[in-house]
Amino acid sequence: MHEYHVMEKIVRTAEETAKRSNALKVLKVSLAVGKLTGFEDGSIRLYFETLAKGTILEGSELFIRHIEPKFKCASCDTLFDCKGSNFACTKCGQPGSPTEIGKEFYIEDMEIESP
């Protein structure tokens, strides 16, 4: 359910941005979604469709690009993917720490129909 409030902001932002660009209709909205957000594609799509009804976003295509989380090694500064529950650096083997990579949720791109 926490996707609902985030999608409210996304739809509002997309609509405001499109209107500032004098769009007649929004054809496509592309989102960047970090896997650490815990957001489910199905919920994102459901709330997008529901909230877009009656707006210039209604009927637009929604594209979701997933961003894999990255960890950073405190010893050698290497950024690496976490494999399961193994937080060891892939370069030196020391434990890594989570970064902000993988927590993203934003509009990456929009395609609009102009007059």
PDB file of N, CA and C in Angstrom:
ATOM      1  N   MET A   1       0.818  -1.202   0.000  1.00  0.00           N
ATOM      2  CA  MET A   1       0.000   0.000   0.000  1.00  0.00           C
ATOM      3  C   MET A   1       0.860   1.264   0.000  1.00  0.00           C
ATOM      4  N   HIS A   2       2.095   1.181   0.473  1.00  0.00           N
ATOM      5  CA  HIS A   2       2.925   2.387   0.509  1.00  0.00           C
ATOM      6  C   HIS A   2       3.252   2.897  -0.891  1.00  0.00           C
ATOM      7  N   GLU A   3       3.063   2.048  -1.920  1.00  0.00           N
ATOM      8  CA  GLU A   3       3.259   2.492  -3.295  1.00  0.00           C
ATOM      9  C   GLU A   3       2.238   3.557  -3.693  1.00  0.00           C
ATOM     10  N   TYR A   4       1.045   3.501  -3.097  1.00  0.00           N
ATOM     11  CA  TYR A   4      -0.026   4.417  -3.481  1.00  0.00           C
ATOM     12  C   TYR A   4       0.397   5.877  -3.332  1.00  0.00           C
ATOM     13  N   HIS A   5       0.917   6.240  -2.170  1.00  0.00           N
ATOM     14  CA  HIS A   5       1.271   7.640  -1.921  1.00  0.00           C
ATOM     15  C   HIS A   5       2.438   8.096  -2.794  1.00  0.00           C
ATOM     16  N   VAL A   6       3.369   7.208  -3.036  1.00  0.00           N
ATOM     17  CA  VAL A   6       4.494   7.544  -3.906  1.00  0.00           C
ATOM     18  C   VAL A   6       3.992   7.723  -5.341  1.00  0.00           C
ATOM     19  N   MET A   7       3.088   6.859  -5.766  1.00  0.00           N
ATOM     20  CA  MET A   7       2.560   6.968  -7.121  1.00  0.00           C
ATOM     21  C   MET A   7       1.684   8.210  -7.281  1.00  0.00           C
ATOM     22  N   GLU A   8       1.026   8.641  -6.222  1.00  0.00           N
ATOM     23  CA  GLU A   8       0.278   9.897  -6.268  1.00  0.00           C
ATOM     24  C   GLU A   8       1.212  11.041  -6.651  1.00  0.00           C
ATOM     25  N   LYS A   9       2.368  11.085  -6.004  1.00  0.00           N
ATOM     26  CA  LYS A   9       3.350  12.136  -6.289  1.00  0.00           C
ATOM     27  C   LYS A   9       3.919  11.998  -7.703  1.00  0.00           C
ATOM     28  N   ILE A  10       4.174  10.776  -8.117  1.00  0.00           N
ATOM     29  CA  ILE A  10       4.711  10.539  -9.465  1.00  0.00           C
ATOM     30  C   ILE A  10       3.716  11.012 -10.520  1.00  0.00           C
ATOM     31  N   VAL A  11       2.446  10.633 -10.383  1.00  0.00           N
ATOM     32  CA  VAL A  11       1.428  11.022 -11.354  1.00  0.00           C
ATOM     33  C   VAL A  11       1.247  12.536 -11.357  1.00  0.00           C
ATOM     34  N   ARG A  12       1.214  13.146 -10.180  1.00  0.00           N
ATOM     35  CA  ARG A  12       1.067  14.604 -10.084  1.00  0.00           C
ATOM     36  C   ARG A  12       2.251  15.312 -10.757  1.00  0.00           C
ATOM     37  N   THR A  13       3.454  14.837 -10.476  1.00  0.00           N
ATOM     38  CA  THR A  13       4.652  15.440 -11.068  1.00  0.00           C
ATOM     39  C   THR A  13       4.652  15.283 -12.583  1.00  0.00           C
ATOM     40  N   ALA A  14       4.313  14.090 -13.062  1.00  0.00           N
ATOM     41  CA  ALA A  14       4.275  13.848 -14.511  1.00  0.00           C
ATOM     42  C   ALA A  14       3.242  14.742 -15.184  1.00  0.00           C
ATOM     43  N   GLU A  15       2.088  14.868 -14.562  1.00  0.00           N
ATOM     44  CA  GLU A  15       1.026  15.702 -15.131  1.00  0.00           C
ATOM     45  C   GLU A  15       1.446  17.171 -15.168  1.00  0.00           C
ATOM     46  N   GLU A  16       2.010  17.667 -14.080  1.00  0.00           N
ATOM     47  CA  GLU A  16       2.463  19.065 -14.030  1.00  0.00           C
ATOM     48  C   GLU A  16       3.567  19.324 -15.057  1.00  0.00           C
ATOM     49  N   THR A  17       4.494  18.407 -15.173  1.00  0.00           N
ATOM     50  CA  THR A  17       5.589  18.549 -16.135  1.00  0.00           C
ATOM     51  C   THR A  17       5.060  18.560 -17.562  1.00  0.00           C
ATOM     52  N   ALA A  18       4.138  17.662 -17.842  1.00  0.00           N
ATOM     53  CA  ALA A  18       3.552  17.597 -19.187  1.00  0.00           C
ATOM     54  C   ALA A  18       2.792  18.874 -19.525  1.00  0.00           C
ATOM     55  N   LYS A  19       2.036  19.378 -18.573  1.00  0.00           N
ATOM     56  CA  LYS A  19       1.267  20.609 -18.810  1.00  0.00           C
ATOM     57  C   LYS A  19       2.193  21.797 -19.052  1.00  0.00           C
ATOM     58  N   ARG A  20       3.305  21.857 -18.306  1.00  0.00           N
ATOM     59  CA  ARG A  20       4.276  22.948 -18.522  1.00  0.00           C
ATOM     60  C   ARG A  20       4.893  22.866 -19.916  1.00  0.00           C
ATOM     61  N   SER A  21       4.904  21.665 -20.492  1.00  0.00           N
ATOM     62  CA  SER A  21       5.446  21.470 -21.841  1.00  0.00           C
ATOM     63  C   SER A  21       4.355  21.566 -22.899  1.00  0.00           C
ATOM     64  N   ASN A  22       3.173  22.018 -22.501  1.00  0.00           N
ATOM     65  CA  ASN A  22       2.019  22.150 -23.397  1.00  0.00           C
ATOM     66  C   ASN A  22       1.639  20.833 -24.068  1.00  0.00           C
ATOM     67  N   ALA A  23       1.772  19.752 -23.366  1.00  0.00           N
ATOM     68  CA  ALA A  23       1.440  18.430 -23.914  1.00  0.00           C
ATOM     69  C   ALA A  23      -0.070  18.272 -24.044  1.00  0.00           C
ATOM     70  N   LEU A  24      -0.461  17.593 -25.114  1.00  0.00           N
ATOM     71  CA  LEU A  24      -1.860  17.221 -25.280  1.00  0.00           C
ATOM     72  C   LEU A  24      -2.137  15.923 -24.531  1.00  0.00           C
ATOM     73  N   LYS A  25      -1.118  15.057 -24.523  1.00  0.00           N
ATOM     74  CA  LYS A  25      -1.246  13.740 -23.913  1.00  0.00           C
ATOM     75  C   LYS A  25       0.140  13.215 -23.560  1.00  0.00           C
ATOM     76  N   VAL A  26       0.203  12.427 -22.503  1.00  0.00           N
ATOM     77  CA  VAL A  26       1.430  11.721 -22.153  1.00  0.00           C
ATOM     78  C   VAL A  26       1.321  10.326 -22.759  1.00  0.00           C
ATOM     79  N   LEU A  27       2.313   9.964 -23.574  1.00  0.00           N
ATOM     80  CA  LEU A  27       2.302   8.669 -24.246  1.00  0.00           C
ATOM     81  C   LEU A  27       3.020   7.587 -23.451  1.00  0.00           C
ATOM     82  N   LYS A  28       4.091   7.991 -22.757  1.00  0.00           N
ATOM     83  CA  LYS A  28       4.894   7.011 -22.037  1.00  0.00           C
ATOM     84  C   LYS A  28       5.564   7.686 -20.841  1.00  0.00           C
ATOM     85  N   VAL A  29       5.598   6.955 -19.726  1.00  0.00           N
ATOM     86  CA  VAL A  29       6.312   7.396 -18.532  1.00  0.00           C
ATOM     87  C   VAL A  29       7.298   6.294 -18.172  1.00  0.00           C
ATOM     88  N   SER A  30       8.570   6.669 -18.027  1.00  0.00           N
ATOM     89  CA  SER A  30       9.609   5.712 -17.643  1.00  0.00           C
ATOM     90  C   SER A  30      10.057   6.017 -16.218  1.00  0.00           C
ATOM     91  N   LEU A  31      10.003   4.992 -15.373  1.00  0.00           N
ATOM     92  CA  LEU A  31      10.423   5.133 -13.982  1.00  0.00           C
ATOM     93  C   LEU A  31      11.712   4.372 -13.738  1.00  0.00           C
ATOM     94  N   ALA A  32      12.544   4.907 -12.857  1.00  0.00           N
ATOM     95  CA  ALA A  32      13.712   4.190 -12.334  1.00  0.00           C
ATOM     96  C   ALA A  32      13.329   3.754 -10.927  1.00  0.00           C
ATOM     97  N   VAL A  33      13.415   2.441 -10.674  1.00  0.00           N
ATOM     98  CA  VAL A  33      12.992   1.893  -9.384  1.00  0.00           C
ATOM     99  C   VAL A  33      14.095   1.014  -8.817  1.00  0.00           C
ATOM    100  N   GLY A  34      14.659   1.446  -7.695  1.00  0.00           N
ATOM    101  CA  GLY A  34      15.675   0.650  -7.018  1.00  0.00           C
ATOM    102  C   GLY A  34      15.044  -0.563  -6.355  1.00  0.00           C
ATOM    103  N   LYS A  35      15.726  -1.679  -6.426  1.00  0.00           N
ATOM    104  CA  LYS A  35      15.183  -2.919  -5.856  1.00  0.00           C
ATOM    105  C   LYS A  35      15.051  -2.851  -4.336  1.00  0.00           C
ATOM    106  N   LEU A  36      15.797  -1.980  -3.671  1.00  0.00           N
ATOM    107  CA  LEU A  36      15.702  -1.869  -2.219  1.00  0.00           C
ATOM    108  C   LEU A  36      14.468  -1.094  -1.757  1.00  0.00           C
ATOM    109  N   THR A  37      13.729  -0.484  -2.691  1.00  0.00           N
ATOM    110  CA  THR A  37      12.501   0.213  -2.302  1.00  0.00           C
ATOM    111  C   THR A  37      11.456  -0.772  -1.809  1.00  0.00           C
ATOM    112  N   GLY A  38      11.524  -2.000  -2.292  1.00  0.00           N
ATOM    113  CA  GLY A  38      10.529  -2.994  -1.927  1.00  0.00           C
ATOM    114  C   GLY A  38       9.229  -2.836  -2.688  1.00  0.00           C
ATOM    115  N   PHE A  39       9.177  -1.904  -3.630  1.00  0.00           N
ATOM    116  CA  PHE A  39       7.962  -1.674  -4.404  1.00  0.00           C
ATOM    117  C   PHE A  39       7.778  -2.787  -5.429  1.00  0.00           C
ATOM    118  N   GLU A  40       6.538  -3.224  -5.576  1.00  0.00           N
ATOM    119  CA  GLU A  40       6.181  -4.286  -6.505  1.00  0.00           C
ATOM    120  C   GLU A  40       5.675  -3.683  -7.810  1.00  0.00           C
ATOM    121  N   ASP A  41       6.141  -4.236  -8.932  1.00  0.00           N
ATOM    122  CA  ASP A  41       5.716  -3.735 -10.243  1.00  0.00           C
ATOM    123  C   ASP A  41       4.196  -3.738 -10.390  1.00  0.00           C
ATOM    124  N   GLY A  42       3.553  -4.809  -9.933  1.00  0.00           N
ATOM    125  CA  GLY A  42       2.103  -4.916 -10.068  1.00  0.00           C
ATOM    126  C   GLY A  42       1.375  -3.791  -9.351  1.00  0.00           C
ATOM    127  N   SER A  43       1.821  -3.460  -8.158  1.00  0.00           N
ATOM    128  CA  SER A  43       1.200  -2.365  -7.393  1.00  0.00           C
ATOM    129  C   SER A  43       1.487  -1.024  -8.053  1.00  0.00           C
ATOM    130  N   ILE A  44       2.707  -0.835  -8.513  1.00  0.00           N
ATOM    131  CA  ILE A  44       3.065   0.414  -9.194  1.00  0.00           C
ATOM    132  C   ILE A  44       2.153   0.616 -10.399  1.00  0.00           C
ATOM    133  N   ARG A  45       2.003  -0.432 -11.206  1.00  0.00           N
ATOM    134  CA  ARG A  45       1.167  -0.339 -12.413  1.00  0.00           C
ATOM    135  C   ARG A  45      -0.310  -0.108 -12.066  1.00  0.00           C
ATOM    136  N   LEU A  46      -0.818  -0.821 -11.080  1.00  0.00           N
ATOM    137  CA  LEU A  46      -2.213  -0.673 -10.678  1.00  0.00           C
ATOM    138  C   LEU A  46      -2.495   0.755 -10.213  1.00  0.00           C
ATOM    139  N   TYR A  47      -1.651   1.273  -9.338  1.00  0.00           N
ATOM    140  CA  TYR A  47      -1.870   2.626  -8.828  1.00  0.00           C
ATOM    141  C   TYR A  47      -1.651   3.675  -9.910  1.00  0.00           C
ATOM    142  N   PHE A  48      -0.710   3.445 -10.797  1.00  0.00           N
ATOM    143  CA  PHE A  48      -0.494   4.385 -11.903  1.00  0.00           C
ATOM    144  C   PHE A  48      -1.758   4.471 -12.758  1.00  0.00           C
ATOM    145  N   GLU A  49      -2.285   3.330 -13.165  1.00  0.00           N
ATOM    146  CA  GLU A  49      -3.490   3.312 -14.002  1.00  0.00           C
ATOM    147  C   GLU A  49      -4.675   3.959 -13.278  1.00  0.00           C
ATOM    148  N   THR A  50      -4.839   3.647 -12.011  1.00  0.00           N
ATOM    149  CA  THR A  50      -5.947   4.188 -11.222  1.00  0.00           C
ATOM    150  C   THR A  50      -5.834   5.701 -11.084  1.00  0.00           C
ATOM    151  N   LEU A  51      -4.653   6.175 -10.720  1.00  0.00           N
ATOM    152  CA  LEU A  51      -4.451   7.609 -10.486  1.00  0.00           C
ATOM    153  C   LEU A  51      -4.405   8.419 -11.779  1.00  0.00           C
ATOM    154  N   ALA A  52      -4.061   7.791 -12.893  1.00  0.00           N
ATOM    155  CA  ALA A  52      -3.972   8.488 -14.178  1.00  0.00           C
ATOM    156  C   ALA A  52      -5.339   8.707 -14.830  1.00  0.00           C
ATOM    157  N   LYS A  53      -6.348   7.974 -14.374  1.00  0.00           N
ATOM    158  CA  LYS A  53      -7.683   8.118 -14.969  1.00  0.00           C
ATOM    159  C   LYS A  53      -8.163   9.558 -14.868  1.00  0.00           C
ATOM    160  N   GLY A  54      -8.657  10.059 -16.004  1.00  0.00           N
ATOM    161  CA  GLY A  54      -9.172  11.422 -16.046  1.00  0.00           C
ATOM    162  C   GLY A  54      -8.100  12.492 -16.184  1.00  0.00           C
ATOM    163  N   THR A  55      -6.845  12.082 -16.358  1.00  0.00           N
ATOM    164  CA  THR A  55      -5.749  13.042 -16.549  1.00  0.00           C
ATOM    165  C   THR A  55      -5.148  12.840 -17.945  1.00  0.00           C
ATOM    166  N   ILE A  56      -4.193  13.678 -18.310  1.00  0.00           N
ATOM    167  CA  ILE A  56      -3.538  13.524 -19.610  1.00  0.00           C
ATOM    168  C   ILE A  56      -2.589  12.320 -19.633  1.00  0.00           C
ATOM    169  N   LEU A  57      -2.463  11.650 -18.504  1.00  0.00           N
ATOM    170  CA  LEU A  57      -1.670  10.430 -18.440  1.00  0.00           C
ATOM    171  C   LEU A  57      -2.500   9.176 -18.721  1.00  0.00           C
ATOM    172  N   GLU A  58      -3.807   9.304 -18.716  1.00  0.00           N
ATOM    173  CA  GLU A  58      -4.667   8.126 -18.895  1.00  0.00           C
ATOM    174  C   GLU A  58      -4.323   7.417 -20.208  1.00  0.00           C
ATOM    175  N   GLY A  59      -4.104   6.118 -20.116  1.00  0.00           N
ATOM    176  CA  GLY A  59      -3.784   5.306 -21.290  1.00  0.00           C
ATOM    177  C   GLY A  59      -2.321   5.302 -21.678  1.00  0.00           C
ATOM    178  N   SER A  60      -1.498   6.034 -20.959  1.00  0.00           N
ATOM    179  CA  SER A  60      -0.074   6.073 -21.300  1.00  0.00           C
ATOM    180  C   SER A  60       0.616   4.774 -20.889  1.00  0.00           C
ATOM    181  N   GLU A  61       1.698   4.470 -21.575  1.00  0.00           N
ATOM    182  CA  GLU A  61       2.489   3.274 -21.281  1.00  0.00           C
ATOM    183  C   GLU A  61       3.406   3.570 -20.096  1.00  0.00           C
ATOM    184  N   LEU A  62       3.552   2.599 -19.214  1.00  0.00           N
ATOM    185  CA  LEU A  62       4.447   2.744 -18.070  1.00  0.00           C
ATOM    186  C   LEU A  62       5.597   1.765 -18.232  1.00  0.00           C
ATOM    187  N   PHE A  63       6.813   2.295 -18.235  1.00  0.00           N
ATOM    188  CA  PHE A  63       8.018   1.471 -18.343  1.00  0.00           C
ATOM    189  C   PHE A  63       8.770   1.574 -17.017  1.00  0.00           C
ATOM    190  N   ILE A  64       9.204   0.428 -16.493  1.00  0.00           N
ATOM    191  CA  ILE A  64       9.930   0.404 -15.218  1.00  0.00           C
ATOM    192  C   ILE A  64      11.322  -0.179 -15.441  1.00  0.00           C
ATOM    193  N   ARG A  65      12.347   0.613 -15.093  1.00  0.00           N
ATOM    194  CA  ARG A  65      13.732   0.140 -15.152  1.00  0.00           C
ATOM    195  C   ARG A  65      14.179  -0.123 -13.718  1.00  0.00           C
ATOM    196  N   HIS A  66      14.603  -1.346 -13.472  1.00  0.00           N
ATOM    197  CA  HIS A  66      15.033  -1.728 -12.127  1.00  0.00           C
ATOM    198  C   HIS A  66      16.522  -1.432 -11.931  1.00  0.00           C
ATOM    199  N   ILE A  67      16.848  -0.927 -10.747  1.00  0.00           N
ATOM    200  CA  ILE A  67      18.229  -0.609 -10.406  1.00  0.00           C
ATOM    201  C   ILE A  67      18.675  -1.554  -9.291  1.00  0.00           C
ATOM    202  N   GLU A  68      19.705  -2.310  -9.588  1.00  0.00           N
ATOM    203  CA  GLU A  68      20.251  -3.267  -8.622  1.00  0.00           C
ATOM    204  C   GLU A  68      20.981  -2.526  -7.503  1.00  0.00           C
ATOM    205  N   PRO A  69      20.860  -2.995  -6.279  1.00  0.00           N
ATOM    206  CA  PRO A  69      21.584  -2.342  -5.175  1.00  0.00           C
ATOM    207  C   PRO A  69      23.091  -2.578  -5.269  1.00  0.00           C
ATOM    208  N   LYS A  70      23.840  -1.619  -4.781  1.00  0.00           N
ATOM    209  CA  LYS A  70      25.309  -1.714  -4.748  1.00  0.00           C
ATOM    210  C   LYS A  70      25.784  -1.545  -3.312  1.00  0.00           C
ATOM    211  N   PHE A  71      26.859  -2.232  -3.009  1.00  0.00           N
ATOM    212  CA  PHE A  71      27.533  -2.105  -1.724  1.00  0.00           C
ATOM    213  C   PHE A  71      28.901  -1.497  -1.981  1.00  0.00           C
ATOM    214  N   LYS A  72      29.477  -0.902  -0.948  1.00  0.00           N
ATOM    215  CA  LYS A  72      30.801  -0.291  -1.077  1.00  0.00           C
ATOM    216  C   LYS A  72      31.718  -0.862  -0.010  1.00  0.00           C
ATOM    217  N   CYS A  73      32.905  -1.232  -0.451  1.00  0.00           N
ATOM    218  CA  CYS A  73      33.900  -1.782   0.454  1.00  0.00           C
ATOM    219  C   CYS A  73      34.604  -0.639   1.190  1.00  0.00           C
ATOM    220  N   ALA A  74      34.670  -0.742   2.513  1.00  0.00           N
ATOM    221  CA  ALA A  74      35.335   0.276   3.328  1.00  0.00           C
ATOM    222  C   ALA A  74      36.849   0.201   3.174  1.00  0.00           C
ATOM    223  N   SER A  75      37.357  -0.960   2.778  1.00  0.00           N
ATOM    224  CA  SER A  75      38.810  -1.133   2.669  1.00  0.00           C
ATOM    225  C   SER A  75      39.373  -0.630   1.350  1.00  0.00           C
ATOM    226  N   CYS A  76      38.706  -0.990   0.227  1.00  0.00           N
ATOM    227  CA  CYS A  76      39.285  -0.653  -1.085  1.00  0.00           C
ATOM    228  C   CYS A  76      38.384   0.240  -1.938  1.00  0.00           C
ATOM    229  N   ASP A  77      37.248   0.701  -1.384  1.00  0.00           N
ATOM    230  CA  ASP A  77      36.302   1.603  -2.062  1.00  0.00           C
ATOM    231  C   ASP A  77      35.645   1.016  -3.315  1.00  0.00           C
ATOM    232  N   THR A  78      35.680  -0.283  -3.492  1.00  0.00           N
ATOM    233  CA  THR A  78      35.049  -0.911  -4.647  1.00  0.00           C
ATOM    234  C   THR A  78      33.528  -0.945  -4.463  1.00  0.00           C
ATOM    235  N   LEU A  79      32.797  -0.577  -5.514  1.00  0.00           N
ATOM    236  CA  LEU A  79      31.347  -0.752  -5.539  1.00  0.00           C
ATOM    237  C   LEU A  79      31.074  -2.134  -6.107  1.00  0.00           C
ATOM    238  N   PHE A  80      30.176  -2.881  -5.470  1.00  0.00           N
ATOM    239  CA  PHE A  80      29.904  -4.228  -5.959  1.00  0.00           C
ATOM    240  C   PHE A  80      28.461  -4.626  -5.690  1.00  0.00           C
ATOM    241  N   ASP A  81      27.995  -5.620  -6.465  1.00  0.00           N
ATOM    242  CA  ASP A  81      26.657  -6.189  -6.272  1.00  0.00           C
ATOM    243  C   ASP A  81      26.699  -7.145  -5.097  1.00  0.00           C
ATOM    244  N   CYS A  82      25.633  -7.149  -4.333  1.00  0.00           N
ATOM    245  CA  CYS A  82      25.507  -8.087  -3.221  1.00  0.00           C
ATOM    246  C   CYS A  82      24.872  -9.367  -3.760  1.00  0.00           C
ATOM    247  N   LYS A  83      25.487 -10.476  -3.505  1.00  0.00           N
ATOM    248  CA  LYS A  83      24.974 -11.770  -3.947  1.00  0.00           C
ATOM    249  C   LYS A  83      24.340 -12.482  -2.762  1.00  0.00           C
ATOM    250  N   GLY A  84      23.014 -12.470  -2.701  1.00  0.00           N
ATOM    251  CA  GLY A  84      22.314 -13.108  -1.586  1.00  0.00           C
ATOM    252  C   GLY A  84      22.639 -12.440  -0.266  1.00  0.00           C
ATOM    253  N   SER A  85      23.110 -13.230   0.696  1.00  0.00           N
ATOM    254  CA  SER A  85      23.463 -12.675   2.004  1.00  0.00           C
ATOM    255  C   SER A  85      24.971 -12.522   2.171  1.00  0.00           C
ATOM    256  N   ASN A  86      25.698 -12.595   1.057  1.00  0.00           N
ATOM    257  CA  ASN A  86      27.153 -12.429   1.090  1.00  0.00           C
ATOM    258  C   ASN A  86      27.492 -10.959   0.841  1.00  0.00           C
ATOM    259  N   PHE A  87      27.970 -10.272   1.877  1.00  0.00           N
ATOM    260  CA  PHE A  87      28.290  -8.848   1.767  1.00  0.00           C
ATOM    261  C   PHE A  87      29.784  -8.612   1.570  1.00  0.00           C
ATOM    262  N   ALA A  88      30.514  -9.657   1.177  1.00  0.00           N
ATOM    263  CA  ALA A  88      31.966  -9.543   1.005  1.00  0.00           C
ATOM    264  C   ALA A  88      32.295  -8.872  -0.319  1.00  0.00           C
ATOM    265  N   CYS A  89      33.262  -7.984  -0.281  1.00  0.00           N
ATOM    266  CA  CYS A  89      33.748  -7.286  -1.470  1.00  0.00           C
ATOM    267  C   CYS A  89      34.259  -8.309  -2.486  1.00  0.00           C
ATOM    268  N   THR A  90      33.897  -8.106  -3.718  1.00  0.00           N
ATOM    269  CA  THR A  90      34.313  -9.015  -4.780  1.00  0.00           C
ATOM    270  C   THR A  90      35.780  -8.840  -5.147  1.00  0.00           C
ATOM    271  N   LYS A  91      36.402  -7.742  -4.688  1.00  0.00           N
ATOM    272  CA  LYS A  91      37.808  -7.491  -5.005  1.00  0.00           C
ATOM    273  C   LYS A  91      38.742  -7.952  -3.880  1.00  0.00           C
ATOM    274  N   CYS A  92      38.414  -7.575  -2.623  1.00  0.00           N
ATOM    275  CA  CYS A  92      39.348  -7.872  -1.521  1.00  0.00           C
ATOM    276  C   CYS A  92      38.777  -8.796  -0.445  1.00  0.00           C
ATOM    277  N   GLY A  93      37.450  -9.057  -0.508  1.00  0.00           N
ATOM    278  CA  GLY A  93      36.845  -9.976   0.445  1.00  0.00           C
ATOM    279  C   GLY A  93      36.395  -9.364   1.765  1.00  0.00           C
ATOM    280  N   GLN A  94      36.687  -8.085   1.986  1.00  0.00           N
ATOM    281  CA  GLN A  94      36.264  -7.414   3.226  1.00  0.00           C
ATOM    282  C   GLN A  94      34.766  -7.099   3.160  1.00  0.00           C
ATOM    283  N   PRO A  95      34.116  -6.930   4.310  1.00  0.00           N
ATOM    284  CA  PRO A  95      32.676  -6.636   4.305  1.00  0.00           C
ATOM    285  C   PRO A  95      32.382  -5.277   3.675  1.00  0.00           C
ATOM    286  N   GLY A  96      31.271  -5.223   2.949  1.00  0.00           N
ATOM    287  CA  GLY A  96      30.826  -3.979   2.339  1.00  0.00           C
ATOM    288  C   GLY A  96      29.630  -3.409   3.070  1.00  0.00           C
ATOM    289  N   SER A  97      29.325  -2.171   2.773  1.00  0.00           N
ATOM    290  CA  SER A  97      28.185  -1.482   3.380  1.00  0.00           C
ATOM    291  C   SER A  97      27.220  -1.055   2.285  1.00  0.00           C
ATOM    292  N   PRO A  98      25.923  -1.012   2.614  1.00  0.00           N
ATOM    293  CA  PRO A  98      24.942  -0.552   1.623  1.00  0.00           C
ATOM    294  C   PRO A  98      25.210   0.896   1.218  1.00  0.00           C
ATOM    295  N   THR A  99      24.850   1.231  -0.002  1.00  0.00           N
ATOM    296  CA  THR A  99      24.919   2.605  -0.505  1.00  0.00           C
ATOM    297  C   THR A  99      23.498   3.063  -0.805  1.00  0.00           C
ATOM    298  N   GLU A 100      23.362   4.225  -1.359  1.00  0.00           N
ATOM    299  CA  GLU A 100      22.050   4.724  -1.767  1.00  0.00           C
ATOM    300  C   GLU A 100      21.625   4.127  -3.107  1.00  0.00           C
ATOM    301  N   ILE A 101      22.535   3.477  -3.805  1.00  0.00           N
ATOM    302  CA  ILE A 101      22.220   2.866  -5.092  1.00  0.00           C
ATOM    303  C   ILE A 101      21.312   1.666  -4.856  1.00  0.00           C
ATOM    304  N   GLY A 102      20.143   1.712  -5.460  1.00  0.00           N
ATOM    305  CA  GLY A 102      19.148   0.667  -5.270  1.00  0.00           C
ATOM    306  C   GLY A 102      17.943   1.150  -4.481  1.00  0.00           C
ATOM    307  N   LYS A 103      17.982   2.423  -4.040  1.00  0.00           N
ATOM    308  CA  LYS A 103      16.865   3.003  -3.283  1.00  0.00           C
ATOM    309  C   LYS A 103      16.105   4.054  -4.109  1.00  0.00           C
ATOM    310  N   GLU A 104      16.461   4.193  -5.366  1.00  0.00           N
ATOM    311  CA  GLU A 104      15.892   5.233  -6.223  1.00  0.00           C
ATOM    312  C   GLU A 104      14.415   4.965  -6.542  1.00  0.00           C
ATOM    313  N   PHE A 105      13.700   6.034  -6.774  1.00  0.00           N
ATOM    314  CA  PHE A 105      12.342   5.949  -7.299  1.00  0.00           C
ATOM    315  C   PHE A 105      12.019   7.312  -7.889  1.00  0.00           C
ATOM    316  N   TYR A 106      12.092   7.423  -9.209  1.00  0.00           N
ATOM    317  CA  TYR A 106      11.855   8.714  -9.851  1.00  0.00           C
ATOM    318  C   TYR A 106      11.456   8.539 -11.309  1.00  0.00           C
ATOM    319  N   ILE A 107      10.908   9.623 -11.873  1.00  0.00           N
ATOM    320  CA  ILE A 107      10.587   9.649 -13.297  1.00  0.00           C
ATOM    321  C   ILE A 107      11.894   9.859 -14.043  1.00  0.00           C
ATOM    322  N   GLU A 108      12.198   8.927 -14.899  1.00  0.00           N
ATOM    323  CA  GLU A 108      13.436   9.003 -15.672  1.00  0.00           C
ATOM    324  C   GLU A 108      13.224   9.718 -16.996  1.00  0.00           C
ATOM    325  N   ASP A 109      12.040   9.509 -17.591  1.00  0.00           N
ATOM    326  CA  ASP A 109      11.776  10.072 -18.915  1.00  0.00           C
ATOM    327  C   ASP A 109      10.270  10.059 -19.166  1.00  0.00           C
ATOM    328  N   MET A 110       9.833  10.961 -20.024  1.00  0.00           N
ATOM    329  CA  MET A 110       8.424  10.965 -20.458  1.00  0.00           C
ATOM    330  C   MET A 110       8.378  11.244 -21.940  1.00  0.00           C
ATOM    331  N   GLU A 111       7.411  10.629 -22.575  1.00  0.00           N
ATOM    332  CA  GLU A 111       7.164  10.867 -23.985  1.00  0.00           C
ATOM    333  C   GLU A 111       5.783  11.517 -24.073  1.00  0.00           C
ATOM    334  N   ILE A 112       5.712  12.680 -24.735  1.00  0.00           N
ATOM    335  CA  ILE A 112       4.442  13.403 -24.791  1.00  0.00           C
ATOM    336  C   ILE A 112       4.021  13.641 -26.234  1.00  0.00           C
ATOM    337  N   GLU A 113       2.726  13.943 -26.394  1.00  0.00           N
ATOM    338  CA  GLU A 113       2.190  14.365 -27.688  1.00  0.00           C
ATOM    339  C   GLU A 113       1.998  15.864 -27.590  1.00  0.00           C
ATOM    340  N   SER A 114       2.626  16.597 -28.510  1.00  0.00           N
ATOM    341  CA  SER A 114       2.549  18.050 -28.497  1.00  0.00           C
ATOM    342  C   SER A 114       1.588  18.540 -29.582  1.00  0.00           C
ATOM    343  N   PRO A 115       1.100  19.766 -29.426  1.00  0.00           N
ATOM    344  CA  PRO A 115       0.192  20.328 -30.447  1.00  0.00           C
ATOM    345  C   PRO A 115       0.903  20.544 -31.781  1.00  0.00           C
TER     346      PRO A 115
END
